[in-house]
Amino acid sequence: MAASTEQSQGSSFLGKHQFLVYRLFSLSGFIPVGAFVVVHLATNASILAGPEAFQSRVDMIHGLGPLLPIVEWLFIFLPMIFHASIGFVIISGGLPNVGSYPYVGNVRYTLQRATGMIAFAFILWHIIQLHWMGAALGGGAFDPHRASSSAATAIAPMLVGILYAIGIVSVVFHFSNGLWTLGITWGLWTSSAAMQRASWACLVIGLTLGTLGLGALVAMRAVDVEQAKSIEERMEQMHRDNSVEKTFLPTSKQGA
């Protein structure tokens, strides 16, 4: 049975290109997917400075206009789909188990796989719940013009808050622990001492990102929705006024 499994793996496309697949898999988990996770958590953490700060960050992102969906698909969704697909192939046994490396502990690797599956389910739910693409499925609750108030309303139920906490911890662990295994895959640390130093560095990264993510969750759930709406309306009016000024400014200059 083991021989036939190895034979089928060796004859498959993924099996034949295992070296390249593993490196693209680990690289995609770092850039761009991991980079997006860091930026996303940092953006959400701006709510700690208040609804105005969070709205400013969201306005900056949505200032990309028609380019935003292109950026999302090229640098977020497609790499994420690739990373998740290869991850599930590895978990299902379609590729040799990377956890068989002598340097990876069984518990640590099991947690990596478990948090990967939880993170995938959480991100999918998160997109359906808040992203505009989820509107057809009853989601799409996030309004970029009412960033804090719409997000706070969406995650207000206690069960939703608990699920978000589990999802955030899973995503952060999967990313930070994945950095450690990435270093092994790419041969960045091969000695026990180097692995130990990398392990501590990844722990610091994980704790930092976890603090940002959970801190943002707590702050978002504490938002005064009505006050946030007032701030958002004022900021939107300011944007409209600025747009009007920019529209008429060249005409007034020509008249002068």
Protein backbone atom coordinates (compact mmCIF):
# COMPACT_ATOMS: atom_id res chain seq x y z
CA MET A 1 0.00 0.00 0.00
CA ALA A 2 2.80 2.42 0.93
CA ALA A 3 4.62 1.58 -2.28
CA SER A 4 1.53 2.21 -4.41
CA THR A 5 0.94 5.56 -2.64
CA GLU A 6 4.52 6.62 -3.32
CA GLN A 7 4.14 5.46 -6.93
CA SER A 8 0.97 7.50 -7.46
CA GLN A 9 2.58 10.54 -5.86
CA GLY A 10 5.65 10.17 -8.04
CA SER A 11 3.61 9.86 -11.24
CA SER A 12 1.35 12.86 -10.49
CA PHE A 13 2.17 16.36 -11.68
CA LEU A 14 2.54 17.59 -8.09
CA GLY A 15 4.71 14.62 -7.20
CA LYS A 16 7.01 15.19 -10.15
CA HIS A 17 7.40 18.86 -9.27
CA GLN A 18 7.42 18.44 -5.49
CA PHE A 19 10.52 20.61 -4.95
CA LEU A 20 9.03 23.57 -6.82
CA VAL A 21 5.53 23.08 -5.40
CA TYR A 22 6.77 23.13 -1.79
CA ARG A 23 8.78 26.29 -2.36
CA LEU A 24 5.95 28.11 -4.10
CA PHE A 25 3.60 26.89 -1.37
CA SER A 26 5.80 28.21 1.45
CA LEU A 27 6.63 31.41 -0.43
CA SER A 28 2.98 32.21 -1.12
CA GLY A 29 2.26 31.82 2.61
CA PHE A 30 4.84 34.53 3.28
CA ILE A 31 4.42 36.82 0.25
CA PRO A 32 1.81 37.93 -0.61
CA VAL A 33 -0.63 36.13 1.71
CA GLY A 34 1.38 36.61 4.90
CA ALA A 35 2.20 40.21 4.02
CA PHE A 36 -1.52 40.87 3.51
CA VAL A 37 -2.31 39.35 6.91
CA VAL A 38 0.18 41.71 8.59
CA VAL A 39 -1.16 44.77 6.74
CA HIS A 40 -4.77 43.75 7.39
CA LEU A 41 -4.20 43.28 11.12
CA ALA A 42 -2.29 46.57 11.34
CA THR A 43 -5.09 48.38 9.49
CA ASN A 44 -7.72 46.91 11.79
CA ALA A 45 -5.62 47.86 14.82
CA SER A 46 -6.00 51.53 13.85
CA ILE A 47 -9.45 51.30 15.47
CA LEU A 48 -7.53 51.49 18.76
CA ALA A 49 -6.98 55.17 17.89
CA GLY A 50 -10.70 55.66 17.24
CA PRO A 51 -13.23 55.46 14.37
CA GLU A 52 -11.69 58.45 12.58
CA ALA A 53 -8.27 56.78 12.33
CA PHE A 54 -9.80 53.52 11.10
CA GLN A 55 -11.95 55.31 8.52
CA SER A 56 -8.87 57.14 7.22
CA ARG A 57 -7.05 53.82 6.67
CA VAL A 58 -10.07 52.32 4.91
CA ASP A 59 -10.45 55.42 2.71
CA MET A 60 -6.79 55.11 1.74
CA ILE A 61 -7.27 51.50 0.63
CA HIS A 62 -10.52 52.17 -1.22
CA GLY A 63 -8.90 55.17 -2.85
CA LEU A 64 -7.56 52.64 -5.37
CA GLY A 65 -11.03 52.71 -6.93
CA PRO A 66 -11.44 50.31 -9.90
CA LEU A 67 -7.92 48.96 -9.28
CA LEU A 68 -8.89 47.54 -5.87
CA PRO A 69 -10.63 44.35 -7.14
CA ILE A 70 -7.67 43.69 -9.46
CA VAL A 71 -5.19 44.11 -6.60
CA GLU A 72 -7.34 41.89 -4.35
CA TRP A 73 -7.52 39.04 -6.87
CA LEU A 74 -3.88 39.20 -8.03
CA PHE A 75 -2.21 39.66 -4.66
CA ILE A 76 -4.69 38.21 -2.15
CA PHE A 77 -7.39 35.85 -3.40
CA LEU A 78 -5.52 33.88 -6.08
CA PRO A 79 -2.35 33.33 -3.96
CA MET A 80 -4.58 32.40 -1.01
CA ILE A 81 -6.52 29.88 -3.13
CA PHE A 82 -3.21 28.39 -4.35
CA HIS A 83 -1.78 28.16 -0.83
CA ALA A 84 -4.96 26.61 0.58
CA SER A 85 -5.29 24.14 -2.30
CA ILE A 86 -1.74 22.82 -1.94
CA GLY A 87 -2.17 22.75 1.83
CA PHE A 88 -5.24 20.51 1.54
CA VAL A 89 -3.42 18.27 -0.94
CA ILE A 90 -0.59 17.84 1.58
CA ILE A 91 -3.01 17.17 4.43
CA SER A 92 -4.94 14.61 2.36
CA GLY A 93 -1.72 12.74 1.60
CA GLY A 94 -1.53 13.80 -2.02
CA LEU A 95 2.03 14.94 -1.35
CA PRO A 96 4.60 13.60 1.12
CA ASN A 97 4.02 14.85 4.66
CA VAL A 98 6.31 17.82 5.33
CA GLY A 99 5.85 17.06 9.00
CA SER A 100 8.13 14.07 8.54
CA TYR A 101 11.15 16.40 8.60
CA PRO A 102 13.19 15.44 11.67
CA TYR A 103 13.25 19.04 12.93
CA VAL A 104 9.50 19.53 13.11
CA GLY A 105 7.77 18.38 16.29
CA ASN A 106 4.59 16.35 15.92
CA VAL A 107 2.54 18.68 18.11
CA ARG A 108 3.76 21.79 16.34
CA TYR A 109 3.07 20.36 12.91
CA THR A 110 -0.35 19.06 13.95
CA LEU A 111 -1.24 22.55 15.18
CA GLN A 112 0.01 24.00 11.90
CA ARG A 113 -2.34 21.76 9.94
CA ALA A 114 -5.28 22.31 12.30
CA THR A 115 -4.92 26.10 12.37
CA GLY A 116 -4.54 26.07 8.58
CA MET A 117 -7.97 24.45 8.20
CA ILE A 118 -9.53 26.74 10.82
CA ALA A 119 -7.92 29.80 9.20
CA PHE A 120 -9.26 28.79 5.77
CA ALA A 121 -12.81 28.38 7.11
CA PHE A 122 -12.54 31.65 9.07
CA ILE A 123 -11.23 33.68 6.12
CA LEU A 124 -13.93 32.28 3.84
CA TRP A 125 -16.62 33.18 6.38
CA HIS A 126 -15.01 36.58 7.01
CA ILE A 127 -15.10 37.39 3.29
CA ILE A 128 -18.72 36.27 2.93
CA GLN A 129 -19.78 38.17 6.04
CA LEU A 130 -18.09 41.49 5.30
CA HIS A 131 -16.77 41.70 1.73
CA TRP A 132 -19.12 43.02 -0.96
CA MET A 133 -18.80 39.72 -2.83
CA GLY A 134 -20.65 38.06 0.04
CA ALA A 135 -23.78 40.17 -0.50
CA ALA A 136 -25.29 37.53 -2.79
CA LEU A 137 -25.05 35.05 0.11
CA GLY A 138 -26.61 37.39 2.65
CA GLY A 139 -23.30 38.92 3.77
CA GLY A 140 -21.34 41.92 2.54
CA ALA A 141 -22.10 43.80 5.74
CA PHE A 142 -19.01 46.03 5.64
CA ASP A 143 -19.60 49.54 4.30
CA PRO A 144 -16.29 51.26 3.43
CA HIS A 145 -17.96 54.66 3.95
CA ARG A 146 -19.17 53.56 7.40
CA ALA A 147 -16.18 51.42 8.31
CA SER A 148 -16.29 51.36 12.11
CA SER A 149 -20.05 51.39 12.59
CA SER A 150 -20.73 48.65 10.00
CA ALA A 151 -17.89 46.42 11.24
CA ALA A 152 -18.86 46.91 14.89
CA THR A 153 -22.48 46.02 14.12
CA ALA A 154 -21.44 42.89 12.21
CA ILE A 155 -19.30 41.46 15.01
CA ALA A 156 -21.50 42.62 17.91
CA PRO A 157 -23.07 39.19 18.71
CA MET A 158 -21.10 37.37 21.38
CA LEU A 159 -20.83 34.15 19.36
CA VAL A 160 -19.45 36.08 16.38
CA GLY A 161 -16.88 37.73 18.65
CA ILE A 162 -15.77 34.35 20.01
CA LEU A 163 -15.46 32.88 16.50
CA TYR A 164 -13.43 35.91 15.41
CA ALA A 165 -11.07 35.46 18.37
CA ILE A 166 -10.55 31.79 17.45
CA GLY A 167 -10.04 32.72 13.80
CA ILE A 168 -7.53 35.48 14.56
CA VAL A 169 -5.47 33.25 16.85
CA SER A 170 -5.49 30.47 14.23
CA VAL A 171 -4.42 32.80 11.40
CA VAL A 172 -1.64 34.33 13.50
CA PHE A 173 -0.31 30.96 14.69
CA HIS A 174 -0.44 29.51 11.19
CA PHE A 175 1.48 32.48 9.79
CA SER A 176 4.11 32.85 12.53
CA ASN A 177 4.76 29.12 12.86
CA GLY A 178 4.75 28.91 9.06
CA LEU A 179 7.62 31.40 8.97
CA TRP A 180 9.65 28.92 11.00
CA THR A 181 8.88 25.99 8.67
CA LEU A 182 9.51 28.26 5.66
CA GLY A 183 13.04 28.79 6.94
CA ILE A 184 13.55 25.02 7.05
CA THR A 185 12.10 24.54 3.55
CA TRP A 186 14.39 27.21 2.10
CA GLY A 187 17.42 26.13 4.14
CA LEU A 188 17.65 29.43 6.03
CA TRP A 189 18.31 27.70 9.34
CA THR A 190 19.69 24.20 9.49
CA SER A 191 21.42 23.94 12.86
CA SER A 192 19.58 23.39 16.14
CA ALA A 193 20.83 26.76 17.46
CA ALA A 194 19.62 28.61 14.37
CA MET A 195 16.22 26.91 14.61
CA GLN A 196 15.92 27.87 18.26
CA ARG A 197 16.69 31.52 17.51
CA ALA A 198 14.21 31.49 14.64
CA SER A 199 11.63 29.88 16.89
CA TRP A 200 11.94 32.71 19.43
CA ALA A 201 11.75 35.33 16.66
CA CYS A 202 8.59 33.72 15.26
CA LEU A 203 7.12 33.62 18.76
CA VAL A 204 7.66 37.38 19.15
CA ILE A 205 6.10 37.99 15.73
CA GLY A 206 3.12 35.82 16.63
CA LEU A 207 2.55 37.49 19.99
CA THR A 208 2.80 40.95 18.39
CA LEU A 209 0.32 40.14 15.63
CA GLY A 210 -1.98 38.33 18.05
CA THR A 211 -2.02 41.37 20.33
CA LEU A 212 -2.84 43.63 17.37
CA GLY A 213 -5.60 41.33 16.12
CA LEU A 214 -7.28 40.64 19.45
CA GLY A 215 -6.82 44.26 20.55
CA ALA A 216 -8.56 45.44 17.39
CA LEU A 217 -11.38 42.93 17.97
CA VAL A 218 -11.96 44.17 21.53
CA ALA A 219 -11.79 47.82 20.43
CA MET A 220 -14.17 47.24 17.52
CA ARG A 221 -16.72 45.55 19.75
CA ALA A 222 -16.48 48.53 22.13
CA VAL A 223 -17.21 51.11 19.42
CA ASP A 224 -20.13 53.44 20.07
CA VAL A 225 -21.97 52.85 16.79
CA GLU A 226 -23.99 56.06 16.81
CA GLN A 227 -20.96 58.17 17.62
CA ALA A 228 -18.98 56.36 14.91
CA LYS A 229 -21.73 57.08 12.36
CA SER A 230 -21.57 60.77 13.24
CA ILE A 231 -17.80 60.82 12.71
CA GLU A 232 -18.10 58.90 9.43
CA GLU A 233 -20.79 61.24 8.10
CA ARG A 234 -18.65 64.25 8.95
CA MET A 235 -15.62 62.72 7.21
CA GLU A 236 -17.68 61.80 4.15
CA GLN A 237 -19.02 65.37 3.95
CA MET A 238 -15.47 66.70 4.14
CA HIS A 239 -14.48 64.44 1.24
CA ARG A 240 -17.43 65.66 -0.81
CA ASP A 241 -16.57 69.31 -0.07
CA ASN A 242 -12.95 68.72 -1.07
CA SER A 243 -14.07 67.06 -4.30
CA VAL A 244 -16.28 70.05 -5.13
CA GLU A 245 -13.43 72.47 -4.44
CA LYS A 246 -11.07 70.49 -6.71
CA THR A 247 -13.70 70.46 -9.46
CA PHE A 248 -14.25 74.22 -9.46
CA LEU A 249 -10.75 75.37 -8.55
CA PRO A 250 -9.34 75.34 -12.14
CA THR A 251 -12.31 77.36 -13.39
CA SER A 252 -11.88 80.04 -10.75
CA LYS A 253 -8.17 80.24 -11.54
CA GLN A 254 -8.92 80.73 -15.23
CA GLY A 255 -11.39 83.45 -14.42
CA ALA A 256 -8.80 85.25 -12.31
